[in-house]
């Protein structure tokens, strides 16, 4: 998994959701920038 937790601590649901939201936000931002540059 891309979520590596030191000392084998279990990941709480809230943290997993936050990381997932951050990942989706970055992906959407990159996609928007990519399509804007392609239109030009």
N, C-alpha and C. Protein backbone atom coordinates (compact mmCIF):
# COMPACT_ATOMS: atom_id res chain seq x y z
N UNK A 1 0.83 -1.20 0.00
CA UNK A 1 0.00 0.00 0.00
C UNK A 1 0.87 1.25 0.00
N UNK A 2 0.30 2.33 -0.54
CA UNK A 2 1.04 3.59 -0.56
C UNK A 2 0.98 4.28 0.80
N UNK A 3 0.17 3.74 1.73
CA UNK A 3 0.09 4.31 3.08
C UNK A 3 1.01 3.52 4.00
N UNK A 4 2.22 4.01 4.22
CA UNK A 4 3.16 3.31 5.10
C UNK A 4 3.11 3.96 6.47
N UNK A 5 2.69 3.19 7.48
CA UNK A 5 2.57 3.73 8.83
C UNK A 5 3.71 3.18 9.69
N UNK A 6 4.54 4.04 10.28
CA UNK A 6 5.65 3.57 11.11
C UNK A 6 5.14 2.89 12.38
N UNK A 7 5.92 1.95 12.89
CA UNK A 7 5.61 1.23 14.14
C UNK A 7 4.33 0.41 14.01
N UNK A 8 3.85 0.21 12.79
CA UNK A 8 2.69 -0.67 12.59
C UNK A 8 1.43 -0.16 13.26
N UNK A 9 1.29 1.15 13.36
CA UNK A 9 0.07 1.70 13.96
C UNK A 9 -1.10 1.56 12.99
N UNK A 10 -2.27 1.17 13.49
CA UNK A 10 -3.45 1.08 12.61
C UNK A 10 -3.89 2.46 12.14
N UNK A 11 -4.34 2.53 10.90
CA UNK A 11 -4.77 3.82 10.35
C UNK A 11 -6.22 4.07 10.72
N UNK A 12 -6.48 5.23 11.30
CA UNK A 12 -7.87 5.55 11.63
C UNK A 12 -8.62 5.95 10.37
N UNK A 13 -9.93 5.74 10.35
CA UNK A 13 -10.72 6.02 9.15
C UNK A 13 -10.60 7.47 8.71
N UNK A 14 -10.58 8.40 9.68
CA UNK A 14 -10.54 9.81 9.31
C UNK A 14 -9.24 10.13 8.56
N UNK A 15 -8.12 9.58 9.03
CA UNK A 15 -6.86 9.86 8.36
C UNK A 15 -6.86 9.30 6.94
N UNK A 16 -7.40 8.08 6.78
CA UNK A 16 -7.45 7.48 5.45
C UNK A 16 -8.30 8.34 4.52
N UNK A 17 -9.42 8.85 5.03
CA UNK A 17 -10.29 9.69 4.20
C UNK A 17 -9.58 10.99 3.83
N UNK A 18 -8.86 11.57 4.79
CA UNK A 18 -8.15 12.83 4.52
C UNK A 18 -7.10 12.61 3.43
N UNK A 19 -6.32 11.53 3.54
CA UNK A 19 -5.30 11.26 2.53
C UNK A 19 -5.94 11.03 1.17
N UNK A 20 -7.06 10.32 1.15
CA UNK A 20 -7.74 10.04 -0.11
C UNK A 20 -8.24 11.34 -0.73
N UNK A 21 -8.82 12.22 0.09
CA UNK A 21 -9.32 13.50 -0.43
C UNK A 21 -8.17 14.33 -0.97
N UNK A 22 -7.05 14.36 -0.26
CA UNK A 22 -5.89 15.12 -0.74
C UNK A 22 -5.42 14.57 -2.09
N UNK A 23 -5.35 13.24 -2.20
CA UNK A 23 -4.91 12.62 -3.45
C UNK A 23 -5.85 12.99 -4.59
N UNK A 24 -7.16 12.93 -4.34
CA UNK A 24 -8.14 13.27 -5.39
C UNK A 24 -8.02 14.74 -5.77
N UNK A 25 -7.84 15.61 -4.77
CA UNK A 25 -7.71 17.04 -5.06
C UNK A 25 -6.51 17.30 -5.95
N UNK A 26 -5.37 16.68 -5.64
CA UNK A 26 -4.16 16.89 -6.45
C UNK A 26 -4.38 16.35 -7.86
N UNK A 27 -5.01 15.19 -7.97
CA UNK A 27 -5.25 14.60 -9.30
C UNK A 27 -6.15 15.51 -10.13
N UNK A 28 -7.21 16.05 -9.52
CA UNK A 28 -8.12 16.93 -10.26
C UNK A 28 -7.39 18.20 -10.69
N UNK A 29 -6.57 18.76 -9.79
CA UNK A 29 -5.83 19.98 -10.12
C UNK A 29 -4.90 19.73 -11.30
N UNK A 30 -4.16 18.61 -11.27
CA UNK A 30 -3.26 18.30 -12.38
C UNK A 30 -4.04 18.12 -13.67
N UNK A 31 -5.20 17.47 -13.60
CA UNK A 31 -6.00 17.25 -14.81
C UNK A 31 -6.47 18.58 -15.38
N UNK A 32 -6.93 19.49 -14.52
CA UNK A 32 -7.40 20.80 -14.99
C UNK A 32 -6.26 21.55 -15.67
N UNK A 33 -5.09 21.57 -15.03
CA UNK A 33 -3.94 22.28 -15.62
C UNK A 33 -3.58 21.65 -16.96
N UNK A 34 -3.60 20.32 -17.02
CA UNK A 34 -3.22 19.62 -18.26
C UNK A 34 -4.17 19.98 -19.39
N UNK A 35 -5.48 19.95 -19.11
CA UNK A 35 -6.45 20.23 -20.18
C UNK A 35 -6.38 21.70 -20.59
N UNK A 36 -6.13 22.59 -19.65
CA UNK A 36 -6.02 24.02 -19.99
C UNK A 36 -4.83 24.24 -20.91
N UNK A 37 -3.72 23.59 -20.63
CA UNK A 37 -2.53 23.76 -21.48
C UNK A 37 -2.76 23.12 -22.84
N UNK A 38 -3.55 22.04 -22.90
CA UNK A 38 -3.78 21.37 -24.18
C UNK A 38 -4.66 22.20 -25.09
N UNK A 39 -5.60 22.95 -24.49
CA UNK A 39 -6.49 23.78 -25.31
C UNK A 39 -5.70 24.85 -26.05
N UNK A 40 -4.68 25.39 -25.39
CA UNK A 40 -3.95 26.52 -25.94
C UNK A 40 -3.32 26.20 -27.29
